[in-house]
Structures are given as structure tokens and as C-alpha cells.
Amino acid sequence: MTIGNSITINYDAVDSTAKDADLNAGEKAALDAGVTTHEGTHAGGGPSILGFVGMHGEHAAYYVESVTYQGLHNTDKTFGLWNESWIGPDKTQLSVEQHREAAIQNAIHPPKQQQQQETPK
């Protein structure tokens, strides 16, 4: 939760998420870093380079979180914002950004669960 330029991060909840996703120590540390940079992006508040390239709010925060995982060379198993398989000798930067954008859009607008309606008998 971000209020003004102060950040409160519930690392107990983050630890619970890590446990539920069966993350190893390195993956958990990356999750902590990702959540911290995500929330830190919100706390920045004022104009930034991300604003100049058209990124605001949640999109900018998820972008920074994704780049954090990329910089740590750690696939995000929890939210899918970065996958090490997106980059390699035969991959182009454009395809990396397309994967990242699709992951961010999925995080911001998760697919709606199909609700099965019971038919009256």
C-alpha cells in the first residue's frame, strides 16, 4: 500500500505468497525485490522518465517490477512478469518487450474466470 511518499509493505503476506508458490530462497529474494520496486515506483509520485514514455500508475509499477526480475536473472513464478526464456541468442529485443507487455496487461487485467452456471432441473 502506498500513501503519499510513504510505503508500507506487508512482507508477511509476501512470505505467504512465496510459500504458496513453493519458491526457493533466490526466488523469494527476487519476489521481495520485485514487490519493493513495484511499490517504490508508486511512491515516486512525481514526474519521471517513465511518465515521459507514457507509463503511469500500475503499468509503470509492473514494468519496473518486470525489469527487476530481468536484472536479477530470475523468472517470476508468482505473477509471470518476467521469464528468462524471453531472452536468448535468437530472441530480439522487440519480442522481449512484447512478452513483457502481454504479462503486464495480464497482471493489470487478469482474464475473467469462466463461471459455470447450473441449469435448473
PDB file of N, CA and C in Angstrom:
ATOM      1  N   MET A   1       0.851  -1.166   0.000  1.00  0.00           N
ATOM      2  CA  MET A   1       0.000   0.000   0.000  1.00  0.00           C
ATOM      3  C   MET A   1       0.899   1.231   0.000  1.00  0.00           C
ATOM      4  N   THR A   2       0.582   2.216  -0.854  1.00  0.00           N
ATOM      5  CA  THR A   2       1.353   3.439  -0.929  1.00  0.00           C
ATOM      6  C   THR A   2       0.461   4.609  -0.548  1.00  0.00           C
ATOM      7  N   ILE A   3       0.913   5.418   0.403  1.00  0.00           N
ATOM      8  CA  ILE A   3       0.179   6.606   0.822  1.00  0.00           C
ATOM      9  C   ILE A   3       1.162   7.765   0.743  1.00  0.00           C
ATOM     10  N   GLY A   4       0.871   8.738  -0.130  1.00  0.00           N
ATOM     11  CA  GLY A   4       1.801   9.840  -0.310  1.00  0.00           C
ATOM     12  C   GLY A   4       3.132   9.307  -0.790  1.00  0.00           C
ATOM     13  N   ASN A   5       4.190   9.678  -0.098  1.00  0.00           N
ATOM     14  CA  ASN A   5       5.512   9.174  -0.447  1.00  0.00           C
ATOM     15  C   ASN A   5       6.013   8.183   0.587  1.00  0.00           C
ATOM     16  N   SER A   6       5.100   7.585   1.326  1.00  0.00           N
ATOM     17  CA  SER A   6       5.447   6.550   2.295  1.00  0.00           C
ATOM     18  C   SER A   6       4.972   5.206   1.766  1.00  0.00           C
ATOM     19  N   ILE A   7       5.752   4.182   2.069  1.00  0.00           N
ATOM     20  CA  ILE A   7       5.402   2.839   1.620  1.00  0.00           C
ATOM     21  C   ILE A   7       5.307   1.927   2.827  1.00  0.00           C
ATOM     22  N   THR A   8       4.266   1.108   2.860  1.00  0.00           N
ATOM     23  CA  THR A   8       4.159   0.048   3.843  1.00  0.00           C
ATOM     24  C   THR A   8       4.000  -1.251   3.062  1.00  0.00           C
ATOM     25  N   ILE A   9       4.940  -2.153   3.261  1.00  0.00           N
ATOM     26  CA  ILE A   9       4.878  -3.437   2.567  1.00  0.00           C
ATOM     27  C   ILE A   9       4.719  -4.532   3.613  1.00  0.00           C
ATOM     28  N   ASN A  10       3.709  -5.344   3.442  1.00  0.00           N
ATOM     29  CA  ASN A  10       3.436  -6.448   4.349  1.00  0.00           C
ATOM     30  C   ASN A  10       4.246  -7.661   3.879  1.00  0.00           C
ATOM     31  N   TYR A  11       5.479  -7.770   4.388  1.00  0.00           N
ATOM     32  CA  TYR A  11       6.335  -8.875   3.961  1.00  0.00           C
ATOM     33  C   TYR A  11       5.842 -10.221   4.479  1.00  0.00           C
ATOM     34  N   ASP A  12       5.012 -10.231   5.514  1.00  0.00           N
ATOM     35  CA  ASP A  12       4.397 -11.492   5.940  1.00  0.00           C
ATOM     36  C   ASP A  12       3.504 -12.036   4.823  1.00  0.00           C
ATOM     37  N   ALA A  13       2.749 -11.137   4.178  1.00  0.00           N
ATOM     38  CA  ALA A  13       1.897 -11.554   3.053  1.00  0.00           C
ATOM     39  C   ALA A  13       2.760 -11.992   1.873  1.00  0.00           C
ATOM     40  N   VAL A  14       3.871 -11.285   1.648  1.00  0.00           N
ATOM     41  CA  VAL A  14       4.783 -11.661   0.567  1.00  0.00           C
ATOM     42  C   VAL A  14       5.372 -13.041   0.853  1.00  0.00           C
ATOM     43  N   ASP A  15       5.764 -13.282   2.118  1.00  0.00           N
ATOM     44  CA  ASP A  15       6.300 -14.593   2.505  1.00  0.00           C
ATOM     45  C   ASP A  15       5.266 -15.690   2.300  1.00  0.00           C
ATOM     46  N   SER A  16       4.004 -15.386   2.598  1.00  0.00           N
ATOM     47  CA  SER A  16       2.930 -16.359   2.410  1.00  0.00           C
ATOM     48  C   SER A  16       2.766 -16.677   0.922  1.00  0.00           C
ATOM     49  N   THR A  17       2.843 -15.654   0.086  1.00  0.00           N
ATOM     50  CA  THR A  17       2.762 -15.851  -1.365  1.00  0.00           C
ATOM     51  C   THR A  17       3.916 -16.722  -1.837  1.00  0.00           C
ATOM     52  N   ALA A  18       5.119 -16.455  -1.327  1.00  0.00           N
ATOM     53  CA  ALA A  18       6.301 -17.239  -1.705  1.00  0.00           C
ATOM     54  C   ALA A  18       6.136 -18.697  -1.291  1.00  0.00           C
ATOM     55  N   LYS A  19       5.602 -18.916  -0.085  1.00  0.00           N
ATOM     56  CA  LYS A  19       5.401 -20.280   0.397  1.00  0.00           C
ATOM     57  C   LYS A  19       4.371 -21.005  -0.467  1.00  0.00           C
ATOM     58  N   ASP A  20       3.270 -20.320  -0.786  1.00  0.00           N
ATOM     59  CA  ASP A  20       2.220 -20.914  -1.613  1.00  0.00           C
ATOM     60  C   ASP A  20       2.736 -21.274  -3.006  1.00  0.00           C
ATOM     61  N   ALA A  21       3.692 -20.482  -3.521  1.00  0.00           N
ATOM     62  CA  ALA A  21       4.240 -20.724  -4.856  1.00  0.00           C
ATOM     63  C   ALA A  21       5.446 -21.657  -4.814  1.00  0.00           C
ATOM     64  N   ASP A  22       5.809 -22.122  -3.610  1.00  0.00           N
ATOM     65  CA  ASP A  22       6.925 -23.040  -3.427  1.00  0.00           C
ATOM     66  C   ASP A  22       8.225 -22.479  -4.022  1.00  0.00           C
ATOM     67  N   LEU A  23       8.537 -21.232  -3.643  1.00  0.00           N
ATOM     68  CA  LEU A  23       9.735 -20.566  -4.155  1.00  0.00           C
ATOM     69  C   LEU A  23      10.958 -20.936  -3.330  1.00  0.00           C
ATOM     70  N   ASN A  24      12.109 -21.066  -4.006  1.00  0.00           N
ATOM     71  CA  ASN A  24      13.355 -21.293  -3.273  1.00  0.00           C
ATOM     72  C   ASN A  24      13.858 -19.946  -2.733  1.00  0.00           C
ATOM     73  N   ALA A  25      14.962 -19.946  -2.010  1.00  0.00           N
ATOM     74  CA  ALA A  25      15.458 -18.729  -1.352  1.00  0.00           C
ATOM     75  C   ALA A  25      15.758 -17.620  -2.360  1.00  0.00           C
ATOM     76  N   GLY A  26      16.369 -17.949  -3.489  1.00  0.00           N
ATOM     77  CA  GLY A  26      16.672 -16.938  -4.503  1.00  0.00           C
ATOM     78  C   GLY A  26      15.418 -16.362  -5.129  1.00  0.00           C
ATOM     79  N   GLU A  27      14.443 -17.214  -5.389  1.00  0.00           N
ATOM     80  CA  GLU A  27      13.183 -16.763  -5.958  1.00  0.00           C
ATOM     81  C   GLU A  27      12.409 -15.896  -4.962  1.00  0.00           C
ATOM     82  N   LYS A  28      12.485 -16.252  -3.677  1.00  0.00           N
ATOM     83  CA  LYS A  28      11.832 -15.445  -2.648  1.00  0.00           C
ATOM     84  C   LYS A  28      12.481 -14.073  -2.542  1.00  0.00           C
ATOM     85  N   ALA A  29      13.817 -14.033  -2.583  1.00  0.00           N
ATOM     86  CA  ALA A  29      14.522 -12.749  -2.530  1.00  0.00           C
ATOM     87  C   ALA A  29      14.149 -11.888  -3.737  1.00  0.00           C
ATOM     88  N   ALA A  30      14.012 -12.508  -4.908  1.00  0.00           N
ATOM     89  CA  ALA A  30      13.606 -11.770  -6.100  1.00  0.00           C
ATOM     90  C   ALA A  30      12.179 -11.248  -5.957  1.00  0.00           C
ATOM     91  N   LEU A  31      11.292 -12.050  -5.359  1.00  0.00           N
ATOM     92  CA  LEU A  31       9.925 -11.601  -5.109  1.00  0.00           C
ATOM     93  C   LEU A  31       9.930 -10.382  -4.193  1.00  0.00           C
ATOM     94  N   ASP A  32      10.711 -10.438  -3.114  1.00  0.00           N
ATOM     95  CA  ASP A  32      10.829  -9.286  -2.212  1.00  0.00           C
ATOM     96  C   ASP A  32      11.296  -8.048  -2.973  1.00  0.00           C
ATOM     97  N   ALA A  33      12.324  -8.217  -3.815  1.00  0.00           N
ATOM     98  CA  ALA A  33      12.853  -7.092  -4.587  1.00  0.00           C
ATOM     99  C   ALA A  33      11.811  -6.574  -5.571  1.00  0.00           C
ATOM    100  N   GLY A  34      11.094  -7.491  -6.228  1.00  0.00           N
ATOM    101  CA  GLY A  34      10.075  -7.085  -7.179  1.00  0.00           C
ATOM    102  C   GLY A  34       8.950  -6.298  -6.532  1.00  0.00           C
ATOM    103  N   VAL A  35       8.457  -6.788  -5.402  1.00  0.00           N
ATOM    104  CA  VAL A  35       7.384  -6.081  -4.680  1.00  0.00           C
ATOM    105  C   VAL A  35       7.882  -4.711  -4.210  1.00  0.00           C
ATOM    106  N   THR A  36       9.112  -4.665  -3.716  1.00  0.00           N
ATOM    107  CA  THR A  36       9.672  -3.407  -3.217  1.00  0.00           C
ATOM    108  C   THR A  36       9.800  -2.380  -4.345  1.00  0.00           C
ATOM    109  N   THR A  37      10.322  -2.795  -5.505  1.00  0.00           N
ATOM    110  CA  THR A  37      10.463  -1.837  -6.606  1.00  0.00           C
ATOM    111  C   THR A  37       9.101  -1.439  -7.167  1.00  0.00           C
ATOM    112  N   HIS A  38       8.152  -2.376  -7.185  1.00  0.00           N
ATOM    113  CA  HIS A  38       6.795  -2.063  -7.638  1.00  0.00           C
ATOM    114  C   HIS A  38       6.210  -0.941  -6.784  1.00  0.00           C
ATOM    115  N   GLU A  39       6.231  -1.146  -5.470  1.00  0.00           N
ATOM    116  CA  GLU A  39       5.661  -0.138  -4.563  1.00  0.00           C
ATOM    117  C   GLU A  39       6.481   1.146  -4.562  1.00  0.00           C
ATOM    118  N   GLY A  40       7.794   1.025  -4.695  1.00  0.00           N
ATOM    119  CA  GLY A  40       8.650   2.206  -4.763  1.00  0.00           C
ATOM    120  C   GLY A  40       8.320   3.074  -5.967  1.00  0.00           C
ATOM    121  N   THR A  41       7.923   2.459  -7.069  1.00  0.00           N
ATOM    122  CA  THR A  41       7.522   3.219  -8.248  1.00  0.00           C
ATOM    123  C   THR A  41       6.304   4.070  -7.947  1.00  0.00           C
ATOM    124  N   HIS A  42       5.355   3.526  -7.181  1.00  0.00           N
ATOM    125  CA  HIS A  42       4.176   4.305  -6.787  1.00  0.00           C
ATOM    126  C   HIS A  42       4.572   5.472  -5.895  1.00  0.00           C
ATOM    127  N   ALA A  43       5.515   5.236  -5.005  1.00  0.00           N
ATOM    128  CA  ALA A  43       5.883   6.262  -4.032  1.00  0.00           C
ATOM    129  C   ALA A  43       6.608   7.421  -4.681  1.00  0.00           C
ATOM    130  N   GLY A  44       7.276   7.167  -5.823  1.00  0.00           N
ATOM    131  CA  GLY A  44       7.987   8.242  -6.508  1.00  0.00           C
ATOM    132  C   GLY A  44       7.078   9.405  -6.824  1.00  0.00           C
ATOM    133  N   GLY A  45       5.866   9.099  -7.248  1.00  0.00           N
ATOM    134  CA  GLY A  45       4.822  10.104  -7.405  1.00  0.00           C
ATOM    135  C   GLY A  45       5.010  11.174  -8.454  1.00  0.00           C
ATOM    136  N   GLY A  46       6.113  11.856  -8.460  1.00  0.00           N
ATOM    137  CA  GLY A  46       6.297  12.995  -9.357  1.00  0.00           C
ATOM    138  C   GLY A  46       6.692  12.578 -10.757  1.00  0.00           C
ATOM    139  N   PRO A  47       6.993  13.584 -11.581  1.00  0.00           N
ATOM    140  CA  PRO A  47       7.402  13.293 -12.960  1.00  0.00           C
ATOM    141  C   PRO A  47       8.661  12.435 -12.999  1.00  0.00           C
ATOM    142  N   SER A  48       8.699  11.512 -13.946  1.00  0.00           N
ATOM    143  CA  SER A  48       9.860  10.641 -14.097  1.00  0.00           C
ATOM    144  C   SER A  48      10.013  10.282 -15.559  1.00  0.00           C
ATOM    145  N   ILE A  49      11.084   9.620 -15.884  1.00  0.00           N
ATOM    146  CA  ILE A  49      11.294   9.166 -17.256  1.00  0.00           C
ATOM    147  C   ILE A  49      10.175   8.221 -17.689  1.00  0.00           C
ATOM    148  N   LEU A  50       9.619   7.451 -16.763  1.00  0.00           N
ATOM    149  CA  LEU A  50       8.518   6.547 -17.116  1.00  0.00           C
ATOM    150  C   LEU A  50       7.297   7.336 -17.570  1.00  0.00           C
ATOM    151  N   GLY A  51       7.072   8.507 -16.967  1.00  0.00           N
ATOM    152  CA  GLY A  51       5.964   9.356 -17.392  1.00  0.00           C
ATOM    153  C   GLY A  51       6.158   9.878 -18.799  1.00  0.00           C
ATOM    154  N   PHE A  52       7.398  10.169 -19.141  1.00  0.00           N
ATOM    155  CA  PHE A  52       7.683  10.690 -20.472  1.00  0.00           C
ATOM    156  C   PHE A  52       7.478   9.646 -21.559  1.00  0.00           C
ATOM    157  N   VAL A  53       7.616   8.369 -21.240  1.00  0.00           N
ATOM    158  CA  VAL A  53       7.389   7.337 -22.248  1.00  0.00           C
ATOM    159  C   VAL A  53       5.973   6.773 -22.161  1.00  0.00           C
ATOM    160  N   GLY A  54       5.097   7.480 -21.452  1.00  0.00           N
ATOM    161  CA  GLY A  54       3.685   7.132 -21.451  1.00  0.00           C
ATOM    162  C   GLY A  54       3.271   6.070 -20.446  1.00  0.00           C
ATOM    163  N   MET A  55       4.106   5.799 -19.450  1.00  0.00           N
ATOM    164  CA  MET A  55       3.745   4.797 -18.451  1.00  0.00           C
ATOM    165  C   MET A  55       3.333   5.486 -17.155  1.00  0.00           C
ATOM    166  N   HIS A  56       2.172   5.130 -16.671  1.00  0.00           N
ATOM    167  CA  HIS A  56       1.666   5.729 -15.442  1.00  0.00           C
ATOM    168  C   HIS A  56       1.090   4.640 -14.550  1.00  0.00           C
ATOM    169  N   GLY A  57       1.015   4.931 -13.256  1.00  0.00           N
ATOM    170  CA  GLY A  57       0.320   4.073 -12.311  1.00  0.00           C
ATOM    171  C   GLY A  57       0.783   2.635 -12.282  1.00  0.00           C
ATOM    172  N   GLU A  58      -0.175   1.731 -12.352  1.00  0.00           N
ATOM    173  CA  GLU A  58       0.124   0.307 -12.235  1.00  0.00           C
ATOM    174  C   GLU A  58       1.011  -0.196 -13.367  1.00  0.00           C
ATOM    175  N   HIS A  59       0.793   0.301 -14.569  1.00  0.00           N
ATOM    176  CA  HIS A  59       1.614  -0.158 -15.694  1.00  0.00           C
ATOM    177  C   HIS A  59       3.089   0.116 -15.417  1.00  0.00           C
ATOM    178  N   ALA A  60       3.408   1.324 -15.000  1.00  0.00           N
ATOM    179  CA  ALA A  60       4.804   1.673 -14.705  1.00  0.00           C
ATOM    180  C   ALA A  60       5.353   0.805 -13.577  1.00  0.00           C
ATOM    181  N   ALA A  61       4.547   0.561 -12.557  1.00  0.00           N
ATOM    182  CA  ALA A  61       4.999  -0.248 -11.421  1.00  0.00           C
ATOM    183  C   ALA A  61       5.266  -1.691 -11.841  1.00  0.00           C
ATOM    184  N   TYR A  62       4.374  -2.262 -12.644  1.00  0.00           N
ATOM    185  CA  TYR A  62       4.602  -3.626 -13.125  1.00  0.00           C
ATOM    186  C   TYR A  62       5.794  -3.692 -14.077  1.00  0.00           C
ATOM    187  N   TYR A  63       5.995  -2.646 -14.873  1.00  0.00           N
ATOM    188  CA  TYR A  63       7.141  -2.603 -15.777  1.00  0.00           C
ATOM    189  C   TYR A  63       8.445  -2.639 -14.973  1.00  0.00           C
ATOM    190  N   VAL A  64       8.527  -1.787 -13.961  1.00  0.00           N
ATOM    191  CA  VAL A  64       9.725  -1.750 -13.118  1.00  0.00           C
ATOM    192  C   VAL A  64       9.915  -3.083 -12.401  1.00  0.00           C
ATOM    193  N   GLU A  65       8.838  -3.681 -11.941  1.00  0.00           N
ATOM    194  CA  GLU A  65       8.927  -4.984 -11.284  1.00  0.00           C
ATOM    195  C   GLU A  65       9.466  -6.034 -12.263  1.00  0.00           C
ATOM    196  N   SER A  66       8.972  -6.022 -13.497  1.00  0.00           N
ATOM    197  CA  SER A  66       9.439  -6.953 -14.517  1.00  0.00           C
ATOM    198  C   SER A  66      10.931  -6.761 -14.800  1.00  0.00           C
ATOM    199  N   VAL A  67      11.351  -5.507 -14.935  1.00  0.00           N
ATOM    200  CA  VAL A  67      12.763  -5.212 -15.194  1.00  0.00           C
ATOM    201  C   VAL A  67      13.629  -5.650 -14.006  1.00  0.00           C
ATOM    202  N   THR A  68      13.091  -5.559 -12.801  1.00  0.00           N
ATOM    203  CA  THR A  68      13.820  -6.025 -11.615  1.00  0.00           C
ATOM    204  C   THR A  68      14.109  -7.519 -11.731  1.00  0.00           C
ATOM    205  N   TYR A  69      13.088  -8.308 -12.066  1.00  0.00           N
ATOM    206  CA  TYR A  69      13.296  -9.748 -12.251  1.00  0.00           C
ATOM    207  C   TYR A  69      14.304 -10.004 -13.369  1.00  0.00           C
ATOM    208  N   GLN A  70      14.203  -9.248 -14.459  1.00  0.00           N
ATOM    209  CA  GLN A  70      15.137  -9.414 -15.565  1.00  0.00           C
ATOM    210  C   GLN A  70      16.563  -9.132 -15.103  1.00  0.00           C
ATOM    211  N   GLY A  71      16.746  -8.052 -14.374  1.00  0.00           N
ATOM    212  CA  GLY A  71      18.076  -7.693 -13.882  1.00  0.00           C
ATOM    213  C   GLY A  71      18.651  -8.726 -12.932  1.00  0.00           C
ATOM    214  N   LEU A  72      17.776  -9.389 -12.194  1.00  0.00           N
ATOM    215  CA  LEU A  72      18.205 -10.437 -11.262  1.00  0.00           C
ATOM    216  C   LEU A  72      18.334 -11.797 -11.947  1.00  0.00           C
ATOM    217  N   HIS A  73      18.002 -11.853 -13.237  1.00  0.00           N
ATOM    218  CA  HIS A  73      18.022 -13.118 -13.998  1.00  0.00           C
ATOM    219  C   HIS A  73      17.205 -14.187 -13.281  1.00  0.00           C
ATOM    220  N   ASN A  74      15.977 -13.791 -12.891  1.00  0.00           N
ATOM    221  CA  ASN A  74      15.126 -14.674 -12.105  1.00  0.00           C
ATOM    222  C   ASN A  74      13.711 -14.657 -12.681  1.00  0.00           C
ATOM    223  N   THR A  75      13.262 -15.766 -13.191  1.00  0.00           N
ATOM    224  CA  THR A  75      11.899 -15.879 -13.708  1.00  0.00           C
ATOM    225  C   THR A  75      10.909 -15.633 -12.572  1.00  0.00           C
ATOM    226  N   ASP A  76       9.901 -14.819 -12.850  1.00  0.00           N
ATOM    227  CA  ASP A  76       8.858 -14.516 -11.874  1.00  0.00           C
ATOM    228  C   ASP A  76       7.804 -15.612 -11.925  1.00  0.00           C
ATOM    229  N   LYS A  77       7.928 -16.578 -11.017  1.00  0.00           N
ATOM    230  CA  LYS A  77       6.982 -17.702 -10.982  1.00  0.00           C
ATOM    231  C   LYS A  77       5.654 -17.327 -10.342  1.00  0.00           C
ATOM    232  N   THR A  78       5.624 -16.202  -9.632  1.00  0.00           N
ATOM    233  CA  THR A  78       4.419 -15.828  -8.908  1.00  0.00           C
ATOM    234  C   THR A  78       3.412 -15.099  -9.788  1.00  0.00           C
ATOM    235  N   PHE A  79       3.865 -14.081 -10.513  1.00  0.00           N
ATOM    236  CA  PHE A  79       2.945 -13.260 -11.301  1.00  0.00           C
ATOM    237  C   PHE A  79       3.214 -13.312 -12.805  1.00  0.00           C
ATOM    238  N   GLY A  80       4.320 -13.934 -13.201  1.00  0.00           N
ATOM    239  CA  GLY A  80       4.622 -14.084 -14.624  1.00  0.00           C
ATOM    240  C   GLY A  80       5.049 -12.812 -15.326  1.00  0.00           C
ATOM    241  N   LEU A  81       5.612 -11.856 -14.576  1.00  0.00           N
ATOM    242  CA  LEU A  81       6.008 -10.587 -15.178  1.00  0.00           C
ATOM    243  C   LEU A  81       7.342 -10.662 -15.924  1.00  0.00           C
ATOM    244  N   TRP A  82       8.112 -11.700 -15.690  1.00  0.00           N
ATOM    245  CA  TRP A  82       9.368 -11.891 -16.410  1.00  0.00           C
ATOM    246  C   TRP A  82       9.665 -13.378 -16.483  1.00  0.00           C
ATOM    247  N   ASN A  83      10.167 -13.802 -17.648  1.00  0.00           N
ATOM    248  CA  ASN A  83      10.584 -15.181 -17.818  1.00  0.00           C
ATOM    249  C   ASN A  83      11.917 -15.164 -18.550  1.00  0.00           C
ATOM    250  N   GLU A  84      12.903 -15.809 -17.989  1.00  0.00           N
ATOM    251  CA  GLU A  84      14.238 -15.838 -18.575  1.00  0.00           C
ATOM    252  C   GLU A  84      14.230 -16.394 -19.993  1.00  0.00           C
ATOM    253  N   SER A  85      13.228 -17.202 -20.356  1.00  0.00           N
ATOM    254  CA  SER A  85      13.156 -17.775 -21.697  1.00  0.00           C
ATOM    255  C   SER A  85      12.845 -16.721 -22.758  1.00  0.00           C
ATOM    256  N   TRP A  86      12.413 -15.518 -22.329  1.00  0.00           N
ATOM    257  CA  TRP A  86      12.087 -14.480 -23.296  1.00  0.00           C
ATOM    258  C   TRP A  86      13.322 -13.902 -23.985  1.00  0.00           C
ATOM    259  N   ILE A  87      14.475 -14.151 -23.408  1.00  0.00           N
ATOM    260  CA  ILE A  87      15.697 -13.582 -23.966  1.00  0.00           C
ATOM    261  C   ILE A  87      16.689 -14.707 -24.231  1.00  0.00           C
ATOM    262  N   GLY A  88      17.426 -14.571 -25.277  1.00  0.00           N
ATOM    263  CA  GLY A  88      18.406 -15.577 -25.634  1.00  0.00           C
ATOM    264  C   GLY A  88      19.067 -15.188 -26.941  1.00  0.00           C
ATOM    265  N   PRO A  89      19.969 -16.019 -27.415  1.00  0.00           N
ATOM    266  CA  PRO A  89      20.726 -15.663 -28.619  1.00  0.00           C
ATOM    267  C   PRO A  89      19.853 -15.447 -29.861  1.00  0.00           C
ATOM    268  N   ASP A  90      18.716 -16.117 -29.944  1.00  0.00           N
ATOM    269  CA  ASP A  90      17.877 -15.985 -31.130  1.00  0.00           C
ATOM    270  C   ASP A  90      16.676 -15.069 -30.903  1.00  0.00           C
ATOM    271  N   LYS A  91      16.626 -14.381 -29.769  1.00  0.00           N
ATOM    272  CA  LYS A  91      15.495 -13.511 -29.456  1.00  0.00           C
ATOM    273  C   LYS A  91      15.848 -12.064 -29.785  1.00  0.00           C
ATOM    274  N   THR A  92      14.846 -11.292 -30.216  1.00  0.00           N
ATOM    275  CA  THR A  92      15.048  -9.878 -30.475  1.00  0.00           C
ATOM    276  C   THR A  92      14.511  -9.068 -29.306  1.00  0.00           C
ATOM    277  N   GLN A  93      15.017  -7.865 -29.143  1.00  0.00           N
ATOM    278  CA  GLN A  93      14.537  -7.000 -28.063  1.00  0.00           C
ATOM    279  C   GLN A  93      13.042  -6.746 -28.213  1.00  0.00           C
ATOM    280  N   LEU A  94      12.566  -6.629 -29.445  1.00  0.00           N
ATOM    281  CA  LEU A  94      11.148  -6.387 -29.671  1.00  0.00           C
ATOM    282  C   LEU A  94      10.306  -7.521 -29.102  1.00  0.00           C
ATOM    283  N   SER A  95      10.720  -8.777 -29.331  1.00  0.00           N
ATOM    284  CA  SER A  95       9.914  -9.878 -28.805  1.00  0.00           C
ATOM    285  C   SER A  95       9.943  -9.900 -27.276  1.00  0.00           C
ATOM    286  N   VAL A  96      11.053  -9.492 -26.681  1.00  0.00           N
ATOM    287  CA  VAL A  96      11.133  -9.403 -25.218  1.00  0.00           C
ATOM    288  C   VAL A  96      10.104  -8.396 -24.718  1.00  0.00           C
ATOM    289  N   GLU A  97      10.057  -7.236 -25.340  1.00  0.00           N
ATOM    290  CA  GLU A  97       9.105  -6.205 -24.900  1.00  0.00           C
ATOM    291  C   GLU A  97       7.663  -6.617 -25.177  1.00  0.00           C
ATOM    292  N   GLN A  98       7.424  -7.372 -26.234  1.00  0.00           N
ATOM    293  CA  GLN A  98       6.072  -7.861 -26.496  1.00  0.00           C
ATOM    294  C   GLN A  98       5.636  -8.843 -25.408  1.00  0.00           C
ATOM    295  N   HIS A  99       6.537  -9.737 -25.017  1.00  0.00           N
ATOM    296  CA  HIS A  99       6.229 -10.663 -23.921  1.00  0.00           C
ATOM    297  C   HIS A  99       5.968  -9.888 -22.633  1.00  0.00           C
ATOM    298  N   ARG A 100       6.847  -8.908 -22.347  1.00  0.00           N
ATOM    299  CA  ARG A 100       6.703  -8.134 -21.109  1.00  0.00           C
ATOM    300  C   ARG A 100       5.366  -7.400 -21.105  1.00  0.00           C
ATOM    301  N   GLU A 101       5.013  -6.762 -22.220  1.00  0.00           N
ATOM    302  CA  GLU A 101       3.757  -6.006 -22.278  1.00  0.00           C
ATOM    303  C   GLU A 101       2.550  -6.923 -22.096  1.00  0.00           C
ATOM    304  N   ALA A 102       2.577  -8.093 -22.710  1.00  0.00           N
ATOM    305  CA  ALA A 102       1.471  -9.045 -22.533  1.00  0.00           C
ATOM    306  C   ALA A 102       1.353  -9.470 -21.075  1.00  0.00           C
ATOM    307  N   ALA A 103       2.482  -9.704 -20.409  1.00  0.00           N
ATOM    308  CA  ALA A 103       2.465 -10.101 -18.994  1.00  0.00           C
ATOM    309  C   ALA A 103       1.924  -8.975 -18.122  1.00  0.00           C
ATOM    310  N   ILE A 104       2.321  -7.737 -18.420  1.00  0.00           N
ATOM    311  CA  ILE A 104       1.836  -6.586 -17.640  1.00  0.00           C
ATOM    312  C   ILE A 104       0.329  -6.426 -17.836  1.00  0.00           C
ATOM    313  N   GLN A 105      -0.129  -6.514 -19.072  1.00  0.00           N
ATOM    314  CA  GLN A 105      -1.562  -6.391 -19.329  1.00  0.00           C
ATOM    315  C   GLN A 105      -2.349  -7.493 -18.620  1.00  0.00           C
ATOM    316  N   ASN A 106      -1.785  -8.694 -18.574  1.00  0.00           N
ATOM    317  CA  ASN A 106      -2.426  -9.800 -17.871  1.00  0.00           C
ATOM    318  C   ASN A 106      -2.492  -9.530 -16.366  1.00  0.00           C
ATOM    319  N   ALA A 107      -1.444  -8.887 -15.828  1.00  0.00           N
ATOM    320  CA  ALA A 107      -1.443  -8.558 -14.393  1.00  0.00           C
ATOM    321  C   ALA A 107      -2.450  -7.456 -14.077  1.00  0.00           C
ATOM    322  N   ILE A 108      -2.549  -6.470 -14.968  1.00  0.00           N
ATOM    323  CA  ILE A 108      -3.471  -5.352 -14.742  1.00  0.00           C
ATOM    324  C   ILE A 108      -4.918  -5.784 -14.997  1.00  0.00           C
ATOM    325  N   HIS A 109      -5.113  -6.564 -16.048  1.00  0.00           N
ATOM    326  CA  HIS A 109      -6.460  -7.006 -16.449  1.00  0.00           C
ATOM    327  C   HIS A 109      -6.473  -8.530 -16.552  1.00  0.00           C
ATOM    328  N   PRO A 110      -6.503  -9.223 -15.410  1.00  0.00           N
ATOM    329  CA  PRO A 110      -6.472 -10.688 -15.460  1.00  0.00           C
ATOM    330  C   PRO A 110      -7.667 -11.241 -16.234  1.00  0.00           C
ATOM    331  N   PRO A 111      -7.445 -12.356 -16.933  1.00  0.00           N
ATOM    332  CA  PRO A 111      -8.570 -12.970 -17.658  1.00  0.00           C
ATOM    333  C   PRO A 111      -9.695 -13.318 -16.689  1.00  0.00           C
ATOM    334  N   LYS A 112     -10.906 -13.080 -17.127  1.00  0.00           N
ATOM    335  CA  LYS A 112     -12.069 -13.394 -16.278  1.00  0.00           C
ATOM    336  C   LYS A 112     -12.247 -14.895 -16.221  1.00  0.00           C
ATOM    337  N   GLN A 113     -12.504 -15.375 -15.035  1.00  0.00           N
ATOM    338  CA  GLN A 113     -12.749 -16.803 -14.851  1.00  0.00           C
ATOM    339  C   GLN A 113     -14.107 -17.147 -15.452  1.00  0.00           C
ATOM    340  N   GLN A 114     -14.134 -18.248 -16.151  1.00  0.00           N
ATOM    341  CA  GLN A 114     -15.404 -18.713 -16.702  1.00  0.00           C
ATOM    342  C   GLN A 114     -16.255 -19.220 -15.546  1.00  0.00           C
ATOM    343  N   GLN A 115     -17.410 -18.639 -15.408  1.00  0.00           N
ATOM    344  CA  GLN A 115     -18.314 -19.083 -14.349  1.00  0.00           C
ATOM    345  C   GLN A 115     -19.328 -20.046 -14.951  1.00  0.00           C
ATOM    346  N   GLN A 116     -19.353 -21.206 -14.373  1.00  0.00           N
ATOM    347  CA  GLN A 116     -20.318 -22.200 -14.847  1.00  0.00           C
ATOM    348  C   GLN A 116     -21.633 -21.985 -14.102  1.00  0.00           C
ATOM    349  N   GLN A 117     -22.660 -21.828 -14.877  1.00  0.00           N
ATOM    350  CA  GLN A 117     -23.976 -21.646 -14.269  1.00  0.00           C
ATOM    351  C   GLN A 117     -24.704 -22.974 -14.291  1.00  0.00           C
ATOM    352  N   GLU A 118     -25.261 -23.307 -13.152  1.00  0.00           N
ATOM    353  CA  GLU A 118     -26.042 -24.542 -13.081  1.00  0.00           C
ATOM    354  C   GLU A 118     -27.380 -24.307 -13.745  1.00  0.00           C
ATOM    355  N   THR A 119     -27.768 -25.243 -14.533  1.00  0.00           N
ATOM    356  CA  THR A 119     -29.080 -25.141 -15.164  1.00  0.00           C
ATOM    357  C   THR A 119     -30.106 -25.795 -14.250  1.00  0.00           C
ATOM    358  N   PRO A 120     -31.218 -25.107 -14.039  1.00  0.00           N
ATOM    359  CA  PRO A 120     -32.241 -25.691 -13.153  1.00  0.00           C
ATOM    360  C   PRO A 120     -32.792 -26.981 -13.751  1.00  0.00           C
ATOM    361  N   LYS A 121     -33.038 -27.933 -12.861  1.00  0.00           N
ATOM    362  CA  LYS A 121     -33.579 -29.228 -13.321  1.00  0.00           C
ATOM    363  C   LYS A 121     -35.034 -29.314 -13.046  1.00  0.00           C
TER     364      LYS A 121
END
